[in-house]
Amino acid sequence: MFTGVYNFIYFLISLTVSHSQITRLYSRFTSLDKGENGTLCREDFQRIPELAINPLGDRIINTFFPEGEDQVNFRGFMRTLAHFRPIDDHEKNKDPNVSEPLNSRNNKLLFAFRLYDLDKDDKISRDELLQVLRMMVGVNISDDQLGSIADRTIQEADQDGDSCISFTEFIKVNFYTSP
């Protein structure tokens, strides 16, 4: 029992989240937990208005759930939310021998990449890119225009000629277009 508590405390410290932030997030977690069982299900997330109206809402919700799981506990909730924290200056100069924090630039890019990689094969195909573009723009752009956008995106990002975007290629594209 003590080992589990110790591991959880170590986990929370590794997120570098303040006590007040943890308290606030735990309060939010319990308010979402309509089943009052210490876990959240997809329906709990779907009741969040910002996710309900977001075209990528279901994709974002899925990131909270490990493969084959339909419930997430507070620890899993915190782990996913950690990706969204801004990077502090002391985290930028961190010991290179220690693994990257969940909110590192690389992990944030991996999180975004996984929103596009619908079949989880570690690459973004033209069809996956089209599906995500359709989710984001709805019927405001014709299929031909979306196809052109997808084709051009893949043409510009694909460096190995496989007509897909790998995570390495995704990083390179985002490195040159992001601060």
N, C-alpha and C. Protein backbone atom coordinates (compact mmCIF):
# COMPACT_ATOMS: atom_id res chain seq x y z
N MET A 1 0.83 -1.20 0.00
CA MET A 1 0.00 0.00 0.00
C MET A 1 0.87 1.26 0.00
N PHE A 2 1.87 1.30 0.90
CA PHE A 2 2.73 2.47 0.98
C PHE A 2 3.46 2.70 -0.34
N THR A 3 3.90 1.63 -0.99
CA THR A 3 4.61 1.76 -2.26
C THR A 3 3.72 2.43 -3.30
N GLY A 4 2.46 2.07 -3.36
CA GLY A 4 1.53 2.68 -4.31
C GLY A 4 1.37 4.17 -4.06
N VAL A 5 1.24 4.56 -2.79
CA VAL A 5 1.11 5.98 -2.44
C VAL A 5 2.40 6.72 -2.80
N TYR A 6 3.55 6.11 -2.47
CA TYR A 6 4.84 6.72 -2.79
C TYR A 6 4.98 6.93 -4.30
N ASN A 7 4.63 5.92 -5.08
CA ASN A 7 4.72 6.03 -6.53
C ASN A 7 3.82 7.12 -7.07
N PHE A 8 2.61 7.24 -6.50
CA PHE A 8 1.69 8.27 -6.96
C PHE A 8 2.21 9.66 -6.62
N ILE A 9 2.75 9.83 -5.42
CA ILE A 9 3.32 11.12 -5.03
C ILE A 9 4.50 11.47 -5.94
N TYR A 10 5.36 10.49 -6.20
CA TYR A 10 6.49 10.71 -7.11
C TYR A 10 6.00 11.11 -8.50
N PHE A 11 4.94 10.44 -8.94
CA PHE A 11 4.35 10.76 -10.25
C PHE A 11 3.88 12.21 -10.28
N LEU A 12 3.16 12.65 -9.25
CA LEU A 12 2.65 14.02 -9.21
C LEU A 12 3.80 15.03 -9.19
N ILE A 13 4.84 14.72 -8.43
CA ILE A 13 6.00 15.62 -8.39
C ILE A 13 6.65 15.71 -9.76
N SER A 14 6.71 14.57 -10.46
CA SER A 14 7.35 14.56 -11.78
C SER A 14 6.60 15.42 -12.79
N LEU A 15 5.33 15.69 -12.54
CA LEU A 15 4.56 16.56 -13.42
C LEU A 15 4.84 18.03 -13.14
N THR A 16 5.53 18.32 -12.03
CA THR A 16 5.80 19.68 -11.56
C THR A 16 4.53 20.53 -11.56
N VAL A 17 3.52 20.00 -10.92
CA VAL A 17 2.24 20.68 -10.77
C VAL A 17 2.13 21.10 -9.31
N SER A 18 1.70 22.32 -9.07
CA SER A 18 1.60 22.81 -7.70
C SER A 18 0.46 22.11 -6.95
N HIS A 19 0.53 22.17 -5.63
CA HIS A 19 -0.50 21.57 -4.79
C HIS A 19 -1.87 22.17 -5.11
N SER A 20 -1.92 23.49 -5.30
CA SER A 20 -3.22 24.13 -5.59
C SER A 20 -3.75 23.69 -6.96
N GLN A 21 -2.85 23.48 -7.93
CA GLN A 21 -3.29 22.99 -9.24
C GLN A 21 -3.84 21.57 -9.13
N ILE A 22 -3.17 20.73 -8.34
CA ILE A 22 -3.64 19.35 -8.15
C ILE A 22 -5.01 19.37 -7.49
N THR A 23 -5.17 20.21 -6.47
CA THR A 23 -6.46 20.31 -5.78
C THR A 23 -7.55 20.76 -6.74
N ARG A 24 -7.25 21.76 -7.55
CA ARG A 24 -8.23 22.27 -8.51
C ARG A 24 -8.57 21.21 -9.56
N LEU A 25 -7.57 20.49 -10.05
CA LEU A 25 -7.82 19.44 -11.04
C LEU A 25 -8.59 18.27 -10.43
N TYR A 26 -8.29 17.95 -9.17
CA TYR A 26 -9.02 16.86 -8.52
C TYR A 26 -10.49 17.25 -8.34
N SER A 27 -10.72 18.51 -8.00
CA SER A 27 -12.09 19.00 -7.87
C SER A 27 -12.82 18.90 -9.21
N ARG A 28 -12.13 19.27 -10.28
CA ARG A 28 -12.73 19.17 -11.62
C ARG A 28 -13.00 17.71 -11.97
N PHE A 29 -12.04 16.84 -11.66
CA PHE A 29 -12.18 15.41 -11.92
C PHE A 29 -13.42 14.85 -11.20
N THR A 30 -13.57 15.17 -9.92
CA THR A 30 -14.71 14.64 -9.16
C THR A 30 -16.03 15.22 -9.65
N SER A 31 -16.00 16.48 -10.13
CA SER A 31 -17.25 17.05 -10.65
C SER A 31 -17.66 16.38 -11.97
N LEU A 32 -16.68 15.90 -12.73
CA LEU A 32 -16.98 15.18 -13.97
C LEU A 32 -17.41 13.74 -13.72
N ASP A 33 -17.00 13.19 -12.59
CA ASP A 33 -17.25 11.78 -12.25
C ASP A 33 -18.70 11.58 -11.83
N LYS A 34 -19.59 11.50 -12.81
CA LYS A 34 -21.02 11.36 -12.52
C LYS A 34 -21.36 10.02 -11.89
N GLY A 35 -20.55 8.99 -12.14
CA GLY A 35 -20.78 7.68 -11.53
C GLY A 35 -20.26 7.60 -10.10
N GLU A 36 -19.54 8.64 -9.67
CA GLU A 36 -18.97 8.71 -8.32
C GLU A 36 -18.21 7.44 -7.95
N ASN A 37 -17.41 6.94 -8.90
CA ASN A 37 -16.64 5.72 -8.65
C ASN A 37 -15.14 5.94 -8.76
N GLY A 38 -14.70 7.19 -8.82
CA GLY A 38 -13.27 7.49 -8.89
C GLY A 38 -12.67 7.33 -10.27
N THR A 39 -13.52 7.19 -11.28
CA THR A 39 -13.04 7.10 -12.66
C THR A 39 -13.95 7.91 -13.56
N LEU A 40 -13.43 8.23 -14.73
CA LEU A 40 -14.23 8.92 -15.74
C LEU A 40 -14.38 8.01 -16.95
N CYS A 41 -15.54 8.09 -17.58
CA CYS A 41 -15.77 7.36 -18.83
C CYS A 41 -15.89 8.40 -19.96
N ARG A 42 -15.98 7.94 -21.17
CA ARG A 42 -16.06 8.85 -22.32
C ARG A 42 -17.25 9.80 -22.21
N GLU A 43 -18.37 9.29 -21.72
CA GLU A 43 -19.57 10.12 -21.60
C GLU A 43 -19.34 11.29 -20.64
N ASP A 44 -18.53 11.06 -19.59
CA ASP A 44 -18.22 12.15 -18.67
C ASP A 44 -17.51 13.29 -19.40
N PHE A 45 -16.59 12.94 -20.28
CA PHE A 45 -15.86 13.96 -21.07
C PHE A 45 -16.77 14.62 -22.10
N GLN A 46 -17.68 13.85 -22.67
CA GLN A 46 -18.56 14.40 -23.70
C GLN A 46 -19.53 15.44 -23.15
N ARG A 47 -19.68 15.49 -21.84
CA ARG A 47 -20.53 16.51 -21.22
C ARG A 47 -19.81 17.85 -21.07
N ILE A 48 -18.52 17.87 -21.36
CA ILE A 48 -17.77 19.13 -21.30
C ILE A 48 -18.10 19.92 -22.58
N PRO A 49 -18.73 21.08 -22.44
CA PRO A 49 -19.19 21.82 -23.63
C PRO A 49 -18.08 22.08 -24.66
N GLU A 50 -16.87 22.44 -24.19
CA GLU A 50 -15.78 22.75 -25.12
C GLU A 50 -15.37 21.53 -25.94
N LEU A 51 -15.46 20.35 -25.37
CA LEU A 51 -15.15 19.13 -26.12
C LEU A 51 -16.32 18.71 -27.00
N ALA A 52 -17.53 18.94 -26.51
CA ALA A 52 -18.72 18.54 -27.26
C ALA A 52 -18.82 19.28 -28.60
N ILE A 53 -18.39 20.53 -28.63
CA ILE A 53 -18.49 21.31 -29.87
C ILE A 53 -17.21 21.29 -30.70
N ASN A 54 -16.14 20.76 -30.15
CA ASN A 54 -14.86 20.71 -30.86
C ASN A 54 -14.89 19.60 -31.90
N PRO A 55 -14.57 19.91 -33.16
CA PRO A 55 -14.61 18.86 -34.19
C PRO A 55 -13.64 17.71 -33.90
N LEU A 56 -12.60 17.97 -33.13
CA LEU A 56 -11.67 16.91 -32.75
C LEU A 56 -11.93 16.40 -31.34
N GLY A 57 -13.08 16.76 -30.78
CA GLY A 57 -13.41 16.39 -29.41
C GLY A 57 -13.27 14.91 -29.12
N ASP A 58 -13.82 14.06 -29.99
CA ASP A 58 -13.72 12.61 -29.77
C ASP A 58 -12.27 12.14 -29.81
N ARG A 59 -11.47 12.72 -30.71
CA ARG A 59 -10.05 12.34 -30.79
C ARG A 59 -9.33 12.76 -29.51
N ILE A 60 -9.64 13.94 -29.00
CA ILE A 60 -9.02 14.41 -27.76
C ILE A 60 -9.45 13.52 -26.60
N ILE A 61 -10.72 13.22 -26.52
CA ILE A 61 -11.23 12.35 -25.45
C ILE A 61 -10.53 11.00 -25.49
N ASN A 62 -10.34 10.45 -26.67
CA ASN A 62 -9.69 9.14 -26.79
C ASN A 62 -8.27 9.13 -26.22
N THR A 63 -7.60 10.28 -26.21
CA THR A 63 -6.24 10.32 -25.68
C THR A 63 -6.18 10.05 -24.18
N PHE A 64 -7.29 10.20 -23.50
CA PHE A 64 -7.32 9.94 -22.07
C PHE A 64 -7.38 8.45 -21.75
N PHE A 65 -7.73 7.64 -22.73
CA PHE A 65 -7.97 6.22 -22.48
C PHE A 65 -6.92 5.34 -23.15
N PRO A 66 -6.17 4.59 -22.34
CA PRO A 66 -5.22 3.64 -22.93
C PRO A 66 -5.97 2.62 -23.78
N GLU A 67 -5.27 2.03 -24.72
CA GLU A 67 -5.85 1.03 -25.64
C GLU A 67 -6.66 -0.01 -24.86
N GLY A 68 -7.92 -0.19 -25.25
CA GLY A 68 -8.78 -1.21 -24.65
C GLY A 68 -9.43 -0.81 -23.33
N GLU A 69 -9.15 0.37 -22.83
CA GLU A 69 -9.72 0.83 -21.56
C GLU A 69 -10.92 1.73 -21.83
N ASP A 70 -11.91 1.66 -20.93
CA ASP A 70 -13.06 2.55 -21.07
C ASP A 70 -13.26 3.43 -19.84
N GLN A 71 -12.30 3.40 -18.93
CA GLN A 71 -12.32 4.23 -17.73
C GLN A 71 -10.93 4.83 -17.54
N VAL A 72 -10.87 6.02 -16.94
CA VAL A 72 -9.59 6.63 -16.60
C VAL A 72 -9.67 7.11 -15.16
N ASN A 73 -8.63 6.82 -14.38
CA ASN A 73 -8.58 7.29 -13.00
C ASN A 73 -7.91 8.67 -12.95
N PHE A 74 -7.78 9.22 -11.74
CA PHE A 74 -7.22 10.56 -11.61
C PHE A 74 -5.79 10.62 -12.12
N ARG A 75 -5.02 9.58 -11.88
CA ARG A 75 -3.63 9.56 -12.34
C ARG A 75 -3.57 9.64 -13.88
N GLY A 76 -4.38 8.86 -14.57
CA GLY A 76 -4.42 8.91 -16.03
C GLY A 76 -4.91 10.26 -16.54
N PHE A 77 -5.87 10.82 -15.84
CA PHE A 77 -6.40 12.14 -16.16
C PHE A 77 -5.28 13.18 -16.10
N MET A 78 -4.51 13.14 -15.00
CA MET A 78 -3.40 14.07 -14.81
C MET A 78 -2.31 13.86 -15.87
N ARG A 79 -2.02 12.61 -16.18
CA ARG A 79 -0.97 12.31 -17.15
C ARG A 79 -1.31 12.93 -18.52
N THR A 80 -2.55 12.81 -18.94
CA THR A 80 -2.93 13.38 -20.23
C THR A 80 -2.93 14.91 -20.18
N LEU A 81 -3.46 15.47 -19.11
CA LEU A 81 -3.49 16.94 -19.00
C LEU A 81 -2.09 17.53 -18.93
N ALA A 82 -1.12 16.77 -18.45
CA ALA A 82 0.25 17.27 -18.33
C ALA A 82 0.81 17.69 -19.68
N HIS A 83 0.33 17.11 -20.77
CA HIS A 83 0.80 17.49 -22.10
C HIS A 83 0.49 18.95 -22.43
N PHE A 84 -0.53 19.50 -21.81
CA PHE A 84 -1.00 20.84 -22.15
C PHE A 84 -0.35 21.94 -21.32
N ARG A 85 0.42 21.56 -20.31
CA ARG A 85 1.08 22.57 -19.48
C ARG A 85 2.13 23.32 -20.28
N PRO A 86 2.26 24.63 -20.06
CA PRO A 86 3.35 25.36 -20.71
C PRO A 86 4.69 24.86 -20.17
N ILE A 87 5.73 25.03 -20.95
CA ILE A 87 7.07 24.62 -20.52
C ILE A 87 7.69 25.76 -19.74
N ASP A 88 8.08 25.48 -18.50
CA ASP A 88 8.74 26.48 -17.66
C ASP A 88 10.21 26.59 -18.05
N ASP A 89 10.83 27.73 -17.72
CA ASP A 89 12.25 27.92 -18.03
C ASP A 89 13.12 26.85 -17.38
N HIS A 90 12.81 26.45 -16.14
CA HIS A 90 13.65 25.44 -15.47
C HIS A 90 13.51 24.07 -16.13
N GLU A 91 12.39 23.84 -16.84
CA GLU A 91 12.22 22.57 -17.55
C GLU A 91 13.01 22.57 -18.86
N LYS A 92 13.21 23.74 -19.45
CA LYS A 92 13.96 23.84 -20.70
C LYS A 92 15.43 23.47 -20.49
N ASN A 93 15.96 23.77 -19.31
CA ASN A 93 17.37 23.53 -19.02
C ASN A 93 17.56 22.27 -18.18
N LYS A 94 16.69 21.34 -18.32
CA LYS A 94 16.68 20.12 -17.53
C LYS A 94 17.85 19.21 -17.89
N ASP A 95 18.21 18.36 -16.96
CA ASP A 95 19.27 17.37 -17.16
C ASP A 95 18.93 16.49 -18.36
N PRO A 96 19.79 16.41 -19.37
CA PRO A 96 19.48 15.63 -20.57
C PRO A 96 19.43 14.12 -20.31
N ASN A 97 19.93 13.67 -19.16
CA ASN A 97 19.90 12.24 -18.85
C ASN A 97 18.56 11.79 -18.27
N VAL A 98 17.71 12.75 -17.94
CA VAL A 98 16.39 12.45 -17.39
C VAL A 98 15.39 12.49 -18.54
N SER A 99 14.40 11.58 -18.50
CA SER A 99 13.43 11.54 -19.59
C SER A 99 12.67 12.88 -19.70
N GLU A 100 12.19 13.15 -20.90
CA GLU A 100 11.49 14.40 -21.16
C GLU A 100 10.20 14.49 -20.36
N PRO A 101 9.85 15.68 -19.88
CA PRO A 101 8.54 15.83 -19.24
C PRO A 101 7.43 15.67 -20.28
N LEU A 102 6.25 15.31 -19.82
CA LEU A 102 5.13 15.11 -20.73
C LEU A 102 4.78 16.36 -21.51
N ASN A 103 5.11 17.53 -20.96
CA ASN A 103 4.78 18.78 -21.64
C ASN A 103 5.94 19.31 -22.48
N SER A 104 6.94 18.47 -22.76
CA SER A 104 8.04 18.91 -23.62
C SER A 104 7.51 19.17 -25.03
N ARG A 105 8.25 19.93 -25.78
CA ARG A 105 7.84 20.23 -27.16
C ARG A 105 7.67 18.94 -27.96
N ASN A 106 8.60 18.01 -27.79
CA ASN A 106 8.55 16.74 -28.52
C ASN A 106 7.29 15.95 -28.15
N ASN A 107 6.97 15.87 -26.86
CA ASN A 107 5.78 15.13 -26.43
C ASN A 107 4.49 15.83 -26.85
N LYS A 108 4.50 17.15 -26.89
CA LYS A 108 3.32 17.87 -27.39
C LYS A 108 3.11 17.58 -28.87
N LEU A 109 4.21 17.54 -29.63
CA LEU A 109 4.11 17.21 -31.05
C LEU A 109 3.63 15.77 -31.24
N LEU A 110 4.11 14.85 -30.40
CA LEU A 110 3.66 13.46 -30.49
C LEU A 110 2.16 13.37 -30.18
N PHE A 111 1.71 14.13 -29.20
CA PHE A 111 0.29 14.17 -28.86
C PHE A 111 -0.52 14.64 -30.07
N ALA A 112 -0.08 15.73 -30.71
CA ALA A 112 -0.77 16.25 -31.89
C ALA A 112 -0.72 15.25 -33.04
N PHE A 113 0.43 14.62 -33.24
CA PHE A 113 0.58 13.62 -34.30
C PHE A 113 -0.44 12.50 -34.13
N ARG A 114 -0.62 12.07 -32.90
CA ARG A 114 -1.55 10.96 -32.63
C ARG A 114 -3.00 11.34 -32.90
N LEU A 115 -3.32 12.63 -32.86
CA LEU A 115 -4.67 13.06 -33.22
C LEU A 115 -4.95 12.81 -34.70
N TYR A 116 -3.92 12.87 -35.51
CA TYR A 116 -4.04 12.63 -36.95
C TYR A 116 -3.89 11.16 -37.32
N ASP A 117 -3.07 10.43 -36.57
CA ASP A 117 -2.78 9.03 -36.88
C ASP A 117 -3.94 8.15 -36.40
N LEU A 118 -5.02 8.15 -37.15
CA LEU A 118 -6.26 7.50 -36.72
C LEU A 118 -6.13 5.99 -36.56
N ASP A 119 -5.33 5.34 -37.40
CA ASP A 119 -5.21 3.88 -37.31
C ASP A 119 -4.01 3.43 -36.46
N LYS A 120 -3.32 4.40 -35.86
CA LYS A 120 -2.21 4.14 -34.94
C LYS A 120 -1.10 3.30 -35.56
N ASP A 121 -0.78 3.58 -36.83
CA ASP A 121 0.31 2.85 -37.49
C ASP A 121 1.59 3.69 -37.57
N ASP A 122 1.64 4.76 -36.80
CA ASP A 122 2.80 5.65 -36.71
C ASP A 122 3.10 6.42 -37.99
N LYS A 123 2.07 6.65 -38.79
CA LYS A 123 2.20 7.52 -39.95
C LYS A 123 0.83 8.08 -40.29
N ILE A 124 0.83 9.24 -40.91
CA ILE A 124 -0.41 9.90 -41.31
C ILE A 124 -0.56 9.73 -42.82
N SER A 125 -1.60 9.02 -43.21
CA SER A 125 -1.86 8.81 -44.63
C SER A 125 -2.72 9.95 -45.17
N ARG A 126 -2.87 9.99 -46.47
CA ARG A 126 -3.73 10.99 -47.11
C ARG A 126 -5.15 10.86 -46.60
N ASP A 127 -5.66 9.62 -46.49
CA ASP A 127 -7.03 9.40 -46.01
C ASP A 127 -7.21 9.90 -44.58
N GLU A 128 -6.22 9.64 -43.72
CA GLU A 128 -6.32 10.12 -42.34
C GLU A 128 -6.31 11.64 -42.30
N LEU A 129 -5.44 12.24 -43.09
CA LEU A 129 -5.38 13.70 -43.15
C LEU A 129 -6.71 14.26 -43.64
N LEU A 130 -7.29 13.64 -44.66
CA LEU A 130 -8.60 14.06 -45.16
C LEU A 130 -9.68 13.95 -44.09
N GLN A 131 -9.69 12.85 -43.35
CA GLN A 131 -10.70 12.67 -42.29
C GLN A 131 -10.60 13.77 -41.26
N VAL A 132 -9.39 14.09 -40.82
CA VAL A 132 -9.22 15.12 -39.80
C VAL A 132 -9.58 16.49 -40.37
N LEU A 133 -9.18 16.76 -41.61
CA LEU A 133 -9.56 18.03 -42.23
C LEU A 133 -11.07 18.16 -42.33
N ARG A 134 -11.76 17.09 -42.70
CA ARG A 134 -13.24 17.12 -42.78
C ARG A 134 -13.84 17.40 -41.40
N MET A 135 -13.27 16.79 -40.36
CA MET A 135 -13.76 17.04 -39.00
C MET A 135 -13.62 18.52 -38.65
N MET A 136 -12.52 19.12 -39.08
CA MET A 136 -12.23 20.50 -38.69
C MET A 136 -13.01 21.53 -39.50
N VAL A 137 -13.24 21.28 -40.79
CA VAL A 137 -13.89 22.30 -41.62
C VAL A 137 -15.32 21.97 -41.99
N GLY A 138 -15.75 20.75 -41.72
CA GLY A 138 -17.12 20.37 -42.04
C GLY A 138 -17.39 20.45 -43.53
N VAL A 139 -18.49 21.06 -43.89
CA VAL A 139 -18.89 21.15 -45.31
C VAL A 139 -18.51 22.49 -45.92
N ASN A 140 -17.68 23.26 -45.24
CA ASN A 140 -17.33 24.60 -45.71
C ASN A 140 -16.35 24.59 -46.89
N ILE A 141 -15.71 23.45 -47.15
CA ILE A 141 -14.76 23.33 -48.25
C ILE A 141 -15.12 22.08 -49.05
N SER A 142 -15.03 22.17 -50.36
CA SER A 142 -15.38 21.03 -51.21
C SER A 142 -14.38 19.89 -51.04
N ASP A 143 -14.81 18.68 -51.41
CA ASP A 143 -13.93 17.51 -51.34
C ASP A 143 -12.69 17.70 -52.22
N ASP A 144 -12.86 18.34 -53.37
CA ASP A 144 -11.71 18.59 -54.25
C ASP A 144 -10.69 19.51 -53.59
N GLN A 145 -11.19 20.56 -52.93
CA GLN A 145 -10.29 21.48 -52.25
C GLN A 145 -9.57 20.78 -51.10
N LEU A 146 -10.32 19.98 -50.33
CA LEU A 146 -9.70 19.23 -49.24
C LEU A 146 -8.64 18.27 -49.77
N GLY A 147 -8.95 17.61 -50.87
CA GLY A 147 -7.99 16.69 -51.49
C GLY A 147 -6.72 17.41 -51.90
N SER A 148 -6.87 18.61 -52.44
CA SER A 148 -5.70 19.41 -52.84
C SER A 148 -4.87 19.80 -51.63
N ILE A 149 -5.54 20.18 -50.55
CA ILE A 149 -4.83 20.55 -49.32
C ILE A 149 -4.07 19.34 -48.78
N ALA A 150 -4.74 18.19 -48.73
CA ALA A 150 -4.09 16.97 -48.23
C ALA A 150 -2.91 16.58 -49.10
N ASP A 151 -3.09 16.62 -50.41
CA ASP A 151 -2.01 16.26 -51.34
C ASP A 151 -0.80 17.17 -51.17
N ARG A 152 -1.07 18.46 -51.10
CA ARG A 152 0.04 19.42 -50.96
C ARG A 152 0.74 19.25 -49.62
N THR A 153 -0.03 19.02 -48.56
CA THR A 153 0.57 18.83 -47.23
C THR A 153 1.50 17.62 -47.25
N ILE A 154 1.03 16.52 -47.79
CA ILE A 154 1.85 15.31 -47.84
C ILE A 154 3.06 15.53 -48.75
N GLN A 155 2.85 16.17 -49.88
CA GLN A 155 3.95 16.44 -50.81
C GLN A 155 5.05 17.25 -50.12
N GLU A 156 4.66 18.25 -49.34
CA GLU A 156 5.65 19.10 -48.67
C GLU A 156 6.32 18.42 -47.49
N ALA A 157 5.59 17.55 -46.79
CA ALA A 157 6.13 16.93 -45.57
C ALA A 157 6.85 15.61 -45.83
N ASP A 158 6.39 14.85 -46.80
CA ASP A 158 6.92 13.50 -47.05
C ASP A 158 8.33 13.58 -47.63
N GLN A 159 9.29 13.09 -46.86
CA GLN A 159 10.68 13.14 -47.31
C GLN A 159 11.20 11.79 -47.78
N ASP A 160 10.52 10.71 -47.41
CA ASP A 160 11.03 9.39 -47.79
C ASP A 160 10.24 8.76 -48.94
N GLY A 161 9.28 9.50 -49.49
CA GLY A 161 8.56 9.05 -50.67
C GLY A 161 7.53 7.96 -50.45
N ASP A 162 7.07 7.77 -49.21
CA ASP A 162 6.06 6.73 -48.95
C ASP A 162 4.63 7.25 -49.00
N SER A 163 4.45 8.51 -49.39
CA SER A 163 3.14 9.16 -49.49
C SER A 163 2.41 9.24 -48.15
N CYS A 164 3.17 9.24 -47.06
CA CYS A 164 2.63 9.39 -45.71
C CYS A 164 3.53 10.35 -44.95
N ILE A 165 3.06 10.78 -43.79
CA ILE A 165 3.86 11.65 -42.93
C ILE A 165 4.21 10.86 -41.68
N SER A 166 5.50 10.61 -41.48
CA SER A 166 5.97 9.94 -40.27
C SER A 166 6.08 10.97 -39.15
N PHE A 167 6.30 10.50 -37.93
CA PHE A 167 6.46 11.44 -36.82
C PHE A 167 7.69 12.32 -37.04
N THR A 168 8.76 11.74 -37.54
CA THR A 168 9.98 12.52 -37.82
C THR A 168 9.69 13.62 -38.83
N GLU A 169 8.94 13.31 -39.86
CA GLU A 169 8.58 14.31 -40.87
C GLU A 169 7.64 15.35 -40.28
N PHE A 170 6.72 14.91 -39.43
CA PHE A 170 5.78 15.81 -38.75
C PHE A 170 6.55 16.81 -37.89
N ILE A 171 7.57 16.33 -37.18
CA ILE A 171 8.39 17.21 -36.33
C ILE A 171 9.09 18.25 -37.20
N LYS A 172 9.67 17.81 -38.31
CA LYS A 172 10.41 18.74 -39.17
C LYS A 172 9.50 19.83 -39.73
N VAL A 173 8.30 19.46 -40.15
CA VAL A 173 7.35 20.45 -40.66
C VAL A 173 6.97 21.43 -39.56
N ASN A 174 6.70 20.93 -38.37
CA ASN A 174 6.30 21.80 -37.26
C ASN A 174 7.47 22.59 -36.69
N PHE A 175 8.68 22.08 -36.83
CA PHE A 175 9.86 22.81 -36.36
C PHE A 175 10.04 24.09 -37.16
N TYR A 176 9.79 24.02 -38.47
CA TYR A 176 10.00 25.18 -39.32
C TYR A 176 8.81 26.12 -39.35
N THR A 177 7.66 25.69 -38.82
CA THR A 177 6.48 26.56 -38.85
C THR A 177 6.06 27.02 -37.47
N SER A 178 6.75 26.57 -36.41
CA SER A 178 6.39 26.94 -35.04
C SER A 178 7.55 27.64 -34.36
N PRO A 179 7.24 28.46 -33.35
CA PRO A 179 8.33 29.12 -32.61
C PRO A 179 9.10 28.12 -31.79
